[in-house]
PDB file of N, CA and C in Angstrom:
ATOM      1  N   MET A   1     -18.125  -3.713   5.147  1.00  0.00           N
ATOM      2  CA  MET A   1     -16.688  -3.888   5.193  1.00  0.00           C
ATOM      3  C   MET A   1     -16.070  -3.812   3.809  1.00  0.00           C
ATOM      4  N   GLY A   2     -16.485  -4.662   2.905  1.00  0.00           N
ATOM      5  CA  GLY A   2     -15.961  -4.635   1.558  1.00  0.00           C
ATOM      6  C   GLY A   2     -14.692  -5.455   1.404  1.00  0.00           C
ATOM      7  N   ARG A   3     -14.277  -5.548   0.161  1.00  0.00           N
ATOM      8  CA  ARG A   3     -13.062  -6.297  -0.170  1.00  0.00           C
ATOM      9  C   ARG A   3     -11.951  -5.309  -0.491  1.00  0.00           C
ATOM     10  N   LEU A   4     -10.745  -5.721  -0.194  1.00  0.00           N
ATOM     11  CA  LEU A   4      -9.596  -4.871  -0.502  1.00  0.00           C
ATOM     12  C   LEU A   4      -9.512  -4.548  -1.983  1.00  0.00           C
ATOM     13  N   SER A   5      -9.848  -5.528  -2.833  1.00  0.00           N
ATOM     14  CA  SER A   5      -9.735  -5.311  -4.279  1.00  0.00           C
ATOM     15  C   SER A   5     -10.753  -4.304  -4.811  1.00  0.00           C
ATOM     16  N   GLU A   6     -11.682  -3.877  -3.971  1.00  0.00           N
ATOM     17  CA  GLU A   6     -12.621  -2.834  -4.387  1.00  0.00           C
ATOM     18  C   GLU A   6     -12.010  -1.441  -4.235  1.00  0.00           C
ATOM     19  N   LEU A   7     -10.885  -1.353  -3.545  1.00  0.00           N
ATOM     20  CA  LEU A   7     -10.199  -0.068  -3.377  1.00  0.00           C
ATOM     21  C   LEU A   7      -9.405   0.266  -4.635  1.00  0.00           C
ATOM     22  N   PRO A   8      -9.191   1.557  -4.899  1.00  0.00           N
ATOM     23  CA  PRO A   8      -8.339   1.928  -6.035  1.00  0.00           C
ATOM     24  C   PRO A   8      -6.945   1.332  -5.859  1.00  0.00           C
ATOM     25  N   ASN A   9      -6.347   0.933  -6.939  1.00  0.00           N
ATOM     26  CA  ASN A   9      -4.950   0.466  -6.995  1.00  0.00           C
ATOM     27  C   ASN A   9      -4.717  -0.927  -6.427  1.00  0.00           C
ATOM     28  N   ILE A  10      -5.731  -1.589  -5.914  1.00  0.00           N
ATOM     29  CA  ILE A  10      -5.546  -2.898  -5.280  1.00  0.00           C
ATOM     30  C   ILE A  10      -6.106  -3.983  -6.196  1.00  0.00           C
ATOM     31  N   GLY A  11      -5.183  -4.698  -6.815  1.00  0.00           N
ATOM     32  CA  GLY A  11      -5.569  -5.834  -7.644  1.00  0.00           C
ATOM     33  C   GLY A  11      -5.555  -7.107  -6.821  1.00  0.00           C
ATOM     34  N   LYS A  12      -5.813  -8.189  -7.481  1.00  0.00           N
ATOM     35  CA  LYS A  12      -5.888  -9.484  -6.809  1.00  0.00           C
ATOM     36  C   LYS A  12      -4.569  -9.858  -6.124  1.00  0.00           C
ATOM     37  N   ALA A  13      -3.433  -9.635  -6.789  1.00  0.00           N
ATOM     38  CA  ALA A  13      -2.137 -10.023  -6.218  1.00  0.00           C
ATOM     39  C   ALA A  13      -1.840  -9.243  -4.939  1.00  0.00           C
ATOM     40  N   VAL A  14      -2.066  -7.941  -4.950  1.00  0.00           N
ATOM     41  CA  VAL A  14      -1.804  -7.131  -3.756  1.00  0.00           C
ATOM     42  C   VAL A  14      -2.819  -7.478  -2.670  1.00  0.00           C
ATOM     43  N   GLU A  15      -4.051  -7.719  -3.054  1.00  0.00           N
ATOM     44  CA  GLU A  15      -5.055  -8.137  -2.079  1.00  0.00           C
ATOM     45  C   GLU A  15      -4.597  -9.426  -1.375  1.00  0.00           C
ATOM     46  N   GLU A  16      -4.096 -10.378  -2.146  1.00  0.00           N
ATOM     47  CA  GLU A  16      -3.618 -11.633  -1.561  1.00  0.00           C
ATOM     48  C   GLU A  16      -2.439 -11.393  -0.627  1.00  0.00           C
ATOM     49  N   GLN A  17      -1.526 -10.512  -1.024  1.00  0.00           N
ATOM     50  CA  GLN A  17      -0.386 -10.215  -0.155  1.00  0.00           C
ATOM     51  C   GLN A  17      -0.852  -9.554   1.143  1.00  0.00           C
ATOM     52  N   LEU A  18      -1.761  -8.614   1.032  1.00  0.00           N
ATOM     53  CA  LEU A  18      -2.272  -7.967   2.235  1.00  0.00           C
ATOM     54  C   LEU A  18      -2.914  -8.992   3.168  1.00  0.00           C
ATOM     55  N   GLU A  19      -3.688  -9.891   2.607  1.00  0.00           N
ATOM     56  CA  GLU A  19      -4.323 -10.919   3.432  1.00  0.00           C
ATOM     57  C   GLU A  19      -3.275 -11.820   4.082  1.00  0.00           C
ATOM     58  N   GLN A  20      -2.191 -12.119   3.359  1.00  0.00           N
ATOM     59  CA  GLN A  20      -1.117 -12.950   3.918  1.00  0.00           C
ATOM     60  C   GLN A  20      -0.468 -12.302   5.134  1.00  0.00           C
ATOM     61  N   VAL A  21      -0.421 -10.981   5.148  1.00  0.00           N
ATOM     62  CA  VAL A  21       0.225 -10.286   6.268  1.00  0.00           C
ATOM     63  C   VAL A  21      -0.783  -9.815   7.321  1.00  0.00           C
ATOM     64  N   GLY A  22      -2.014 -10.301   7.216  1.00  0.00           N
ATOM     65  CA  GLY A  22      -2.999 -10.027   8.249  1.00  0.00           C
ATOM     66  C   GLY A  22      -3.868  -8.808   8.053  1.00  0.00           C
ATOM     67  N   VAL A  23      -3.859  -8.255   6.850  1.00  0.00           N
ATOM     68  CA  VAL A  23      -4.716  -7.108   6.540  1.00  0.00           C
ATOM     69  C   VAL A  23      -5.810  -7.617   5.617  1.00  0.00           C
ATOM     70  N   ALA A  24      -7.008  -7.804   6.169  1.00  0.00           N
ATOM     71  CA  ALA A  24      -8.068  -8.477   5.428  1.00  0.00           C
ATOM     72  C   ALA A  24      -9.197  -7.563   4.959  1.00  0.00           C
ATOM     73  N   THR A  25      -9.231  -6.336   5.461  1.00  0.00           N
ATOM     74  CA  THR A  25     -10.335  -5.439   5.102  1.00  0.00           C
ATOM     75  C   THR A  25      -9.807  -4.041   4.791  1.00  0.00           C
ATOM     76  N   PRO A  26     -10.575  -3.259   4.050  1.00  0.00           N
ATOM     77  CA  PRO A  26     -10.178  -1.866   3.814  1.00  0.00           C
ATOM     78  C   PRO A  26      -9.989  -1.098   5.124  1.00  0.00           C
ATOM     79  N   GLU A  27     -10.815  -1.385   6.114  1.00  0.00           N
ATOM     80  CA  GLU A  27     -10.706  -0.704   7.405  1.00  0.00           C
ATOM     81  C   GLU A  27      -9.367  -1.004   8.067  1.00  0.00           C
ATOM     82  N   GLN A  28      -8.942  -2.259   8.007  1.00  0.00           N
ATOM     83  CA  GLN A  28      -7.647  -2.618   8.587  1.00  0.00           C
ATOM     84  C   GLN A  28      -6.514  -1.917   7.849  1.00  0.00           C
ATOM     85  N   LEU A  29      -6.611  -1.815   6.542  1.00  0.00           N
ATOM     86  CA  LEU A  29      -5.587  -1.111   5.771  1.00  0.00           C
ATOM     87  C   LEU A  29      -5.532   0.351   6.177  1.00  0.00           C
ATOM     88  N   ARG A  30      -6.680   0.980   6.320  1.00  0.00           N
ATOM     89  CA  ARG A  30      -6.708   2.392   6.718  1.00  0.00           C
ATOM     90  C   ARG A  30      -6.123   2.568   8.122  1.00  0.00           C
ATOM     91  N   GLU A  31      -6.403   1.620   9.014  1.00  0.00           N
ATOM     92  CA  GLU A  31      -5.903   1.702  10.385  1.00  0.00           C
ATOM     93  C   GLU A  31      -4.381   1.654  10.448  1.00  0.00           C
ATOM     94  N   ILE A  32      -3.771   0.726   9.724  1.00  0.00           N
ATOM     95  CA  ILE A  32      -2.311   0.611   9.815  1.00  0.00           C
ATOM     96  C   ILE A  32      -1.596   1.566   8.869  1.00  0.00           C
ATOM     97  N   GLY A  33      -2.263   1.984   7.820  1.00  0.00           N
ATOM     98  CA  GLY A  33      -1.678   2.924   6.876  1.00  0.00           C
ATOM     99  C   GLY A  33      -0.830   2.243   5.819  1.00  0.00           C
ATOM    100  N   ALA A  34      -0.568   2.972   4.774  1.00  0.00           N
ATOM    101  CA  ALA A  34       0.148   2.440   3.614  1.00  0.00           C
ATOM    102  C   ALA A  34       1.583   2.041   3.945  1.00  0.00           C
ATOM    103  N   LYS A  35       2.275   2.845   4.724  1.00  0.00           N
ATOM    104  CA  LYS A  35       3.680   2.557   5.008  1.00  0.00           C
ATOM    105  C   LYS A  35       3.828   1.260   5.791  1.00  0.00           C
ATOM    106  N   GLU A  36       3.045   1.104   6.842  1.00  0.00           N
ATOM    107  CA  GLU A  36       3.129  -0.119   7.637  1.00  0.00           C
ATOM    108  C   GLU A  36       2.701  -1.330   6.809  1.00  0.00           C
ATOM    109  N   ALA A  37       1.660  -1.179   6.009  1.00  0.00           N
ATOM    110  CA  ALA A  37       1.217  -2.286   5.147  1.00  0.00           C
ATOM    111  C   ALA A  37       2.323  -2.668   4.168  1.00  0.00           C
ATOM    112  N   TRP A  38       2.993  -1.663   3.593  1.00  0.00           N
ATOM    113  CA  TRP A  38       4.069  -1.939   2.648  1.00  0.00           C
ATOM    114  C   TRP A  38       5.228  -2.658   3.327  1.00  0.00           C
ATOM    115  N   LEU A  39       5.589  -2.240   4.532  1.00  0.00           N
ATOM    116  CA  LEU A  39       6.660  -2.917   5.266  1.00  0.00           C
ATOM    117  C   LEU A  39       6.320  -4.384   5.509  1.00  0.00           C
ATOM    118  N   LYS A  40       5.065  -4.655   5.837  1.00  0.00           N
ATOM    119  CA  LYS A  40       4.626  -6.038   6.048  1.00  0.00           C
ATOM    120  C   LYS A  40       4.730  -6.832   4.743  1.00  0.00           C
ATOM    121  N   ILE A  41       4.313  -6.225   3.642  1.00  0.00           N
ATOM    122  CA  ILE A  41       4.410  -6.902   2.342  1.00  0.00           C
ATOM    123  C   ILE A  41       5.873  -7.120   1.970  1.00  0.00           C
ATOM    124  N   GLN A  42       6.703  -6.126   2.192  1.00  0.00           N
ATOM    125  CA  GLN A  42       8.121  -6.256   1.854  1.00  0.00           C
ATOM    126  C   GLN A  42       8.754  -7.416   2.625  1.00  0.00           C
ATOM    127  N   ALA A  43       8.274  -7.682   3.829  1.00  0.00           N
ATOM    128  CA  ALA A  43       8.823  -8.783   4.626  1.00  0.00           C
ATOM    129  C   ALA A  43       8.580 -10.138   3.958  1.00  0.00           C
ATOM    130  N   ILE A  44       7.515 -10.247   3.173  1.00  0.00           N
ATOM    131  CA  ILE A  44       7.233 -11.518   2.479  1.00  0.00           C
ATOM    132  C   ILE A  44       7.584 -11.446   0.996  1.00  0.00           C
ATOM    133  N   ASP A  45       7.791 -10.222   0.484  1.00  0.00           N
ATOM    134  CA  ASP A  45       8.120 -10.028  -0.927  1.00  0.00           C
ATOM    135  C   ASP A  45       9.144  -8.905  -1.058  1.00  0.00           C
ATOM    136  N   PRO A  46      10.438  -9.242  -0.992  1.00  0.00           N
ATOM    137  CA  PRO A  46      11.474  -8.219  -1.061  1.00  0.00           C
ATOM    138  C   PRO A  46      11.452  -7.376  -2.342  1.00  0.00           C
ATOM    139  N   SER A  47      10.712  -7.800  -3.355  1.00  0.00           N
ATOM    140  CA  SER A  47      10.635  -7.017  -4.587  1.00  0.00           C
ATOM    141  C   SER A  47       9.567  -5.924  -4.517  1.00  0.00           C
ATOM    142  N   ALA A  48       8.914  -5.763  -3.373  1.00  0.00           N
ATOM    143  CA  ALA A  48       7.884  -4.715  -3.230  1.00  0.00           C
ATOM    144  C   ALA A  48       8.485  -3.367  -3.622  1.00  0.00           C
ATOM    145  N   CYS A  49       7.838  -2.685  -4.553  1.00  0.00           N
ATOM    146  CA  CYS A  49       8.404  -1.485  -5.164  1.00  0.00           C
ATOM    147  C   CYS A  49       7.692  -0.207  -4.719  1.00  0.00           C
ATOM    148  N   ILE A  50       8.246   0.898  -5.157  1.00  0.00           N
ATOM    149  CA  ILE A  50       7.666   2.208  -4.847  1.00  0.00           C
ATOM    150  C   ILE A  50       6.251   2.339  -5.398  1.00  0.00           C
ATOM    151  N   GLN A  51       5.993   1.740  -6.549  1.00  0.00           N
ATOM    152  CA  GLN A  51       4.638   1.812  -7.116  1.00  0.00           C
ATOM    153  C   GLN A  51       3.627   1.114  -6.207  1.00  0.00           C
ATOM    154  N   ARG A  52       4.048   0.031  -5.583  1.00  0.00           N
ATOM    155  CA  ARG A  52       3.146  -0.666  -4.659  1.00  0.00           C
ATOM    156  C   ARG A  52       2.867   0.223  -3.447  1.00  0.00           C
ATOM    157  N   LEU A  53       3.902   0.867  -2.937  1.00  0.00           N
ATOM    158  CA  LEU A  53       3.737   1.779  -1.802  1.00  0.00           C
ATOM    159  C   LEU A  53       2.794   2.926  -2.160  1.00  0.00           C
ATOM    160  N   GLN A  54       2.997   3.513  -3.339  1.00  0.00           N
ATOM    161  CA  GLN A  54       2.115   4.599  -3.767  1.00  0.00           C
ATOM    162  C   GLN A  54       0.693   4.101  -3.995  1.00  0.00           C
ATOM    163  N   GLY A  55       0.566   2.907  -4.534  1.00  0.00           N
ATOM    164  CA  GLY A  55      -0.761   2.326  -4.730  1.00  0.00           C
ATOM    165  C   GLY A  55      -1.480   2.109  -3.415  1.00  0.00           C
ATOM    166  N   LEU A  56      -0.757   1.652  -2.414  1.00  0.00           N
ATOM    167  CA  LEU A  56      -1.354   1.460  -1.091  1.00  0.00           C
ATOM    168  C   LEU A  56      -1.804   2.790  -0.498  1.00  0.00           C
ATOM    169  N   GLU A  57      -0.982   3.819  -0.658  1.00  0.00           N
ATOM    170  CA  GLU A  57      -1.363   5.143  -0.148  1.00  0.00           C
ATOM    171  C   GLU A  57      -2.608   5.653  -0.861  1.00  0.00           C
ATOM    172  N   GLY A  58      -2.659   5.466  -2.173  1.00  0.00           N
ATOM    173  CA  GLY A  58      -3.858   5.862  -2.903  1.00  0.00           C
ATOM    174  C   GLY A  58      -5.078   5.086  -2.428  1.00  0.00           C
ATOM    175  N   ALA A  59      -4.908   3.800  -2.158  1.00  0.00           N
ATOM    176  CA  ALA A  59      -6.019   2.973  -1.674  1.00  0.00           C
ATOM    177  C   ALA A  59      -6.514   3.491  -0.330  1.00  0.00           C
ATOM    178  N   VAL A  60      -5.593   3.825   0.557  1.00  0.00           N
ATOM    179  CA  VAL A  60      -5.968   4.367   1.870  1.00  0.00           C
ATOM    180  C   VAL A  60      -6.770   5.655   1.695  1.00  0.00           C
ATOM    181  N   ARG A  61      -6.365   6.475   0.724  1.00  0.00           N
ATOM    182  CA  ARG A  61      -7.037   7.759   0.480  1.00  0.00           C
ATOM    183  C   ARG A  61      -8.258   7.637  -0.432  1.00  0.00           C
ATOM    184  N   GLY A  62      -8.406   6.463  -1.060  1.00  0.00           N
ATOM    185  CA  GLY A  62      -9.543   6.256  -1.952  1.00  0.00           C
ATOM    186  C   GLY A  62      -9.386   6.899  -3.317  1.00  0.00           C
ATOM    187  N   ILE A  63      -8.121   7.068  -3.755  1.00  0.00           N
ATOM    188  CA  ILE A  63      -7.868   7.713  -5.052  1.00  0.00           C
ATOM    189  C   ILE A  63      -6.839   6.915  -5.852  1.00  0.00           C
ATOM    190  N   PRO A  64      -6.834   7.067  -7.173  1.00  0.00           N
ATOM    191  CA  PRO A  64      -5.770   6.449  -7.969  1.00  0.00           C
ATOM    192  C   PRO A  64      -4.415   7.037  -7.565  1.00  0.00           C
ATOM    193  N   LYS A  65      -3.373   6.208  -7.596  1.00  0.00           N
ATOM    194  CA  LYS A  65      -2.056   6.676  -7.145  1.00  0.00           C
ATOM    195  C   LYS A  65      -1.551   7.859  -7.952  1.00  0.00           C
ATOM    196  N   LYS A  66      -1.958   7.975  -9.200  1.00  0.00           N
ATOM    197  CA  LYS A  66      -1.484   9.099 -10.016  1.00  0.00           C
ATOM    198  C   LYS A  66      -2.030  10.439  -9.522  1.00  0.00           C
ATOM    199  N   LEU A  67      -3.066  10.401  -8.679  1.00  0.00           N
ATOM    200  CA  LEU A  67      -3.652  11.634  -8.155  1.00  0.00           C
ATOM    201  C   LEU A  67      -3.098  12.023  -6.778  1.00  0.00           C
ATOM    202  N   LEU A  68      -2.133  11.270  -6.278  1.00  0.00           N
ATOM    203  CA  LEU A  68      -1.519  11.645  -4.998  1.00  0.00           C
ATOM    204  C   LEU A  68      -0.822  12.992  -5.154  1.00  0.00           C
ATOM    205  N   PRO A  69      -0.944  13.857  -4.169  1.00  0.00           N
ATOM    206  CA  PRO A  69      -0.225  15.137  -4.234  1.00  0.00           C
ATOM    207  C   PRO A  69       1.281  14.913  -4.317  1.00  0.00           C
ATOM    208  N   GLU A  70       1.986  15.804  -4.979  1.00  0.00           N
ATOM    209  CA  GLU A  70       3.422  15.653  -5.160  1.00  0.00           C
ATOM    210  C   GLU A  70       4.158  15.571  -3.831  1.00  0.00           C
ATOM    211  N   ALA A  71       3.731  16.332  -2.842  1.00  0.00           N
ATOM    212  CA  ALA A  71       4.388  16.281  -1.530  1.00  0.00           C
ATOM    213  C   ALA A  71       4.252  14.891  -0.903  1.00  0.00           C
ATOM    214  N   VAL A  72       3.129  14.255  -1.094  1.00  0.00           N
ATOM    215  CA  VAL A  72       2.917  12.906  -0.571  1.00  0.00           C
ATOM    216  C   VAL A  72       3.816  11.928  -1.318  1.00  0.00           C
ATOM    217  N   LYS A  73       3.890  12.074  -2.628  1.00  0.00           N
ATOM    218  CA  LYS A  73       4.764  11.204  -3.423  1.00  0.00           C
ATOM    219  C   LYS A  73       6.216  11.337  -2.973  1.00  0.00           C
ATOM    220  N   GLU A  74       6.657  12.548  -2.717  1.00  0.00           N
ATOM    221  CA  GLU A  74       8.033  12.754  -2.274  1.00  0.00           C
ATOM    222  C   GLU A  74       8.260  12.117  -0.909  1.00  0.00           C
ATOM    223  N   ASP A  75       7.311  12.268  -0.008  1.00  0.00           N
ATOM    224  CA  ASP A  75       7.409  11.626   1.308  1.00  0.00           C
ATOM    225  C   ASP A  75       7.513  10.108   1.155  1.00  0.00           C
ATOM    226  N   LEU A  76       6.708   9.548   0.274  1.00  0.00           N
ATOM    227  CA  LEU A  76       6.740   8.103   0.048  1.00  0.00           C
ATOM    228  C   LEU A  76       8.064   7.672  -0.582  1.00  0.00           C
ATOM    229  N   ARG A  77       8.605   8.472  -1.499  1.00  0.00           N
ATOM    230  CA  ARG A  77       9.899   8.144  -2.109  1.00  0.00           C
ATOM    231  C   ARG A  77      10.997   8.116  -1.048  1.00  0.00           C
ATOM    232  N   GLU A  78      10.981   9.085  -0.144  1.00  0.00           N
ATOM    233  CA  GLU A  78      11.981   9.126   0.928  1.00  0.00           C
ATOM    234  C   GLU A  78      11.816   7.917   1.854  1.00  0.00           C
ATOM    235  N   PHE A  79      10.598   7.593   2.207  1.00  0.00           N
ATOM    236  CA  PHE A  79      10.331   6.416   3.037  1.00  0.00           C
ATOM    237  C   PHE A  79      10.843   5.156   2.341  1.00  0.00           C
ATOM    238  N   TYR A  80      10.566   5.037   1.055  1.00  0.00           N
ATOM    239  CA  TYR A  80      11.009   3.883   0.278  1.00  0.00           C
ATOM    240  C   TYR A  80      12.536   3.777   0.282  1.00  0.00           C
ATOM    241  N   ARG A  81      13.217   4.894   0.052  1.00  0.00           N
ATOM    242  CA  ARG A  81      14.680   4.889   0.031  1.00  0.00           C
ATOM    243  C   ARG A  81      15.252   4.431   1.373  1.00  0.00           C
ATOM    244  N   ARG A  82      14.614   4.835   2.463  1.00  0.00           N
ATOM    245  CA  ARG A  82      15.105   4.464   3.789  1.00  0.00           C
ATOM    246  C   ARG A  82      14.841   3.001   4.127  1.00  0.00           C
ATOM    247  N   HIS A  83      13.811   2.402   3.538  1.00  0.00           N
ATOM    248  CA  HIS A  83      13.386   1.067   3.977  1.00  0.00           C
ATOM    249  C   HIS A  83      13.544  -0.056   2.953  1.00  0.00           C
ATOM    250  N   LYS A  84      13.887   0.263   1.712  1.00  0.00           N
ATOM    251  CA  LYS A  84      13.987  -0.809   0.735  1.00  0.00           C
ATOM    252  C   LYS A  84      15.139  -1.745   1.093  1.00  0.00           C
ATOM    253  N   LEU A  85      14.950  -3.000   0.774  1.00  0.00           N
ATOM    254  CA  LEU A  85      15.967  -4.008   1.094  1.00  0.00           C
ATOM    255  C   LEU A  85      17.051  -4.039   0.045  1.00  0.00           C
TER     256      LEU A  85
END
């Protein structure tokens, strides 16, 4: 199973937030996806930013967020604009 903090882009603080919203394993994160995980985090932390969303997507894909394809980054930016509080 592993720990969330073993994934790229997931530090202790984000790992704790994910656990608070019911995402306790890398498998659970992959199942719900970065967008849904970010929405759950935003519900408990309105300051959740685009970098966190991109970091979650990178974690789901197993890559550093800076390596996300530009099209994916643009999709995430649009999602963020539509859902930020």
